[in-house]
Protein backbone atom coordinates (compact mmCIF):
# COMPACT_ATOMS: atom_id res chain seq x y z
CA MET A 1 -246.13 25.80 142.53
CA THR A 2 -247.05 23.25 139.20
CA GLY A 3 -247.80 25.03 136.90
CA GLN A 4 -246.12 28.08 137.26
CA ARG A 5 -242.69 28.40 135.03
CA LEU A 6 -239.75 29.09 137.43
CA LEU A 7 -237.46 32.53 137.01
CA PRO A 8 -233.23 31.97 136.25
CA SER A 9 -231.95 33.04 140.01
CA GLU A 10 -230.31 36.47 138.52
CA THR A 11 -234.37 37.43 136.66
CA ALA A 12 -236.27 36.43 140.61
CA ARG A 13 -233.60 38.66 142.00
CA ARG A 14 -233.58 42.30 139.63
CA ILE A 15 -237.79 41.38 140.03
CA ALA A 16 -237.36 41.84 144.01
CA LEU A 17 -235.15 44.85 143.58
CA SER A 18 -237.33 46.46 140.97
CA LYS A 19 -239.49 45.92 144.16
CA ALA A 20 -237.43 46.82 146.87
CA LEU A 21 -236.78 50.23 145.53
CA PHE A 22 -240.72 50.61 145.16
CA ARG A 23 -241.15 49.65 149.05
CA GLU A 24 -238.53 52.20 149.58
CA VAL A 25 -239.71 55.35 148.15
CA ASN A 26 -243.69 54.39 150.04
CA GLU A 27 -241.82 54.02 153.29
CA ARG A 28 -240.79 58.29 153.12
CA ILE A 29 -244.04 58.15 151.32
CA ASN A 30 -245.40 55.98 154.22
CA GLU A 31 -243.09 59.26 156.82
CA ILE A 32 -244.10 62.20 155.67
CA ALA A 33 -248.56 60.80 155.67
CA ASP A 34 -247.38 60.09 159.42
CA GLY A 35 -245.91 63.03 159.87
CA PHE A 36 -249.27 64.84 158.45
CA GLY A 37 -251.63 62.24 160.83
CA LEU A 38 -253.07 60.52 158.18
CA ALA A 39 -253.25 57.28 159.35
CA GLU A 40 -257.16 57.28 157.75
CA GLY A 41 -255.49 56.41 154.66
CA PHE A 42 -253.07 57.85 151.85
CA LEU A 43 -250.87 56.70 148.43
CA ILE A 44 -248.08 54.04 147.95
CA LEU A 45 -246.93 53.49 144.65
CA CYS A 46 -247.92 49.42 143.32
CA GLU A 47 -244.62 47.92 144.40
CA CYS A 48 -245.57 44.95 141.19
CA ALA A 49 -241.92 44.45 138.96
CA SER A 50 -242.84 46.74 136.07
CA SER A 51 -241.05 49.66 135.85
CA HIS A 52 -243.63 51.48 133.84
CA CYS A 53 -246.02 51.28 136.33
CA GLN A 54 -247.51 54.07 137.49
CA GLU A 55 -250.54 52.83 139.54
CA ARG A 56 -250.97 54.10 143.28
CA ILE A 57 -252.78 51.74 146.07
CA GLY A 58 -254.80 53.08 148.57
CA LEU A 59 -253.92 52.46 152.42
CA THR A 60 -254.51 52.92 156.23
CA GLN A 61 -252.31 53.13 158.10
CA ALA A 62 -252.05 50.47 159.50
CA GLU A 63 -252.96 48.04 156.07
CA TYR A 64 -248.74 49.37 155.94
CA GLU A 65 -247.99 48.75 158.95
CA ARG A 66 -249.27 45.07 158.81
CA LEU A 67 -247.77 44.92 155.12
CA ARG A 68 -244.46 45.92 156.48
CA ARG A 69 -244.36 43.18 159.28
CA MET A 70 -242.59 40.89 156.61
CA PRO A 71 -239.79 42.29 154.83
CA THR A 72 -241.39 39.73 151.91
CA HIS A 73 -244.02 41.45 151.76
CA PHE A 74 -245.04 43.58 149.10
CA ALA A 75 -248.50 45.36 147.68
CA VAL A 76 -249.73 45.35 144.11
CA LEU A 77 -252.11 45.57 142.24
CA HIS A 78 -254.64 42.85 141.03
CA GLY A 79 -253.10 41.37 138.04
CA HIS A 80 -249.53 41.98 139.07
CA ASP A 81 -248.30 39.65 140.48
CA ILE A 82 -245.73 36.89 139.41
CA PRO A 83 -246.57 33.56 139.85
CA ALA A 84 -242.84 32.24 139.20
CA VAL A 85 -241.41 34.28 141.96
CA GLU A 86 -244.14 35.57 144.72
CA ARG A 87 -246.74 34.35 145.52
CA VAL A 88 -250.59 36.01 146.81
CA VAL A 89 -250.89 35.91 150.99
CA ARG A 90 -253.79 38.19 151.28
CA GLN A 91 -255.54 40.41 149.17
CA ASN A 92 -258.58 42.74 149.33
CA ASP A 93 -260.62 44.50 146.71
CA ARG A 94 -258.02 47.90 146.46
CA PHE A 95 -255.15 45.31 146.35
CA VAL A 96 -252.46 42.34 146.36
CA THR A 97 -250.34 41.49 148.73
CA VAL A 98 -247.57 39.69 148.18
CA GLU A 99 -244.43 36.93 149.12
CA LYS A 100 -241.30 37.10 147.60
CA PHE A 101 -239.61 33.32 148.04
CA ASP A 102 -236.40 31.77 147.23
CA ASP A 103 -234.24 34.31 145.41
CA GLY A 104 -235.97 37.11 145.07
CA GLY A 105 -237.24 37.19 149.05
CA ILE A 106 -233.27 36.83 150.20
CA THR A 107 -232.90 39.82 147.69
CA ALA A 108 -236.73 41.30 149.81
CA THR A 109 -234.98 40.87 153.16
CA LEU A 110 -231.25 42.13 152.97
CA LEU A 111 -232.51 45.19 151.22
CA ASP A 112 -235.66 45.59 153.77
CA PRO A 113 -235.19 49.85 155.18
CA ARG A 114 -236.91 48.99 158.32
CA ARG A 115 -234.02 45.78 158.80
CA ARG A 116 -231.68 48.58 157.84
CA ARG A 117 -232.60 51.46 160.57
CA THR A 118 -233.05 48.80 162.97
CA GLY A 119 -230.04 47.37 162.46
CA VAL A 120 -231.43 43.30 162.99
CA ARG A 121 -228.37 41.38 160.84
CA THR A 122 -229.42 38.46 158.90
CA GLY A 123 -226.39 36.40 156.76
CA THR A 124 -227.36 35.18 153.35
CA ARG A 125 -227.21 31.74 154.01
CA GLN A 126 -229.18 32.14 157.13
CA LEU A 127 -231.44 33.31 154.60
CA ARG A 128 -231.56 31.06 152.07
CA ALA A 129 -231.89 28.41 153.98
CA THR A 130 -234.99 29.12 155.02
CA ALA A 131 -236.43 30.68 151.92
CA LEU A 132 -235.45 27.33 151.36
CA ARG A 133 -237.00 25.34 154.25
CA ARG A 134 -240.21 27.58 153.18
CA THR A 135 -240.74 26.75 149.87
CA ASP A 136 -240.31 23.59 149.97
CA MET A 137 -242.25 22.25 152.88
CA LYS A 138 -244.39 21.22 150.64
CA SER A 139 -243.25 18.96 149.06
CA ARG A 140 -240.92 17.23 151.18
CA LEU A 141 -244.43 16.82 153.39
CA THR A 142 -246.17 15.58 150.80
CA ASP A 143 -242.31 13.59 149.60
CA GLU A 144 -242.07 11.92 153.18
CA LYS A 145 -245.54 10.95 153.97
CA ARG A 146 -245.38 9.41 150.98
CA LEU A 147 -241.99 7.36 151.81
CA GLY A 148 -243.35 7.39 155.29
CA ALA A 149 -240.15 7.85 157.24
CA ALA A 150 -239.85 10.78 158.58
CA THR A 151 -241.71 13.88 160.68
CA HIS A 152 -241.64 17.69 161.33
CA ASP A 153 -241.30 19.54 164.42
CA GLU A 154 -242.67 22.51 165.40
CA THR A 155 -238.72 24.51 164.40
CA GLY A 156 -238.87 23.73 161.14
CA ARG A 157 -236.22 19.87 162.07
CA TRP A 158 -236.92 16.73 159.56
CA GLY A 159 -235.77 13.84 162.34
CA HIS A 160 -237.02 10.14 162.05
CA ASP A 161 -239.68 8.66 163.52
CA ALA A 162 -239.57 7.71 167.69
CA GLY A 163 -239.89 3.38 166.04
CA ASP A 164 -237.36 3.60 162.88
CA GLY A 165 -234.64 4.02 166.46
């Protein structure tokens, strides 16, 4: 996140709340579109943080379901992303998929309507640990490579090289 200004945690949470509200509205739009068999495409609201944005994004049912697989992913128009609280993970000519991280990612996950409907429960402490582990992974890898002391395995755990005892 070099060169990006970090926002206070409370601001990140407020932005995530705004996005979660748009996601909730878009879930209802999706249910209606699905009920009418509109798999070819339908319009959702841009899920950016601006309460004044009223732009629409056209998606197919498949694109929408792919977007909703991750509770931290949101669809926004090009230029509507906020690099201090989210990163672009995918884009096409119509929209950008952004991923919320840190406190915003935790808030977005806790407010995910699909998780609530299916009864999936994840504690805030567990979500925070996962978010921190994911966002700090690159800097940790860089630090550890520089120090040459620890290794990282596929489970996300850090440990010392076998030769270090």
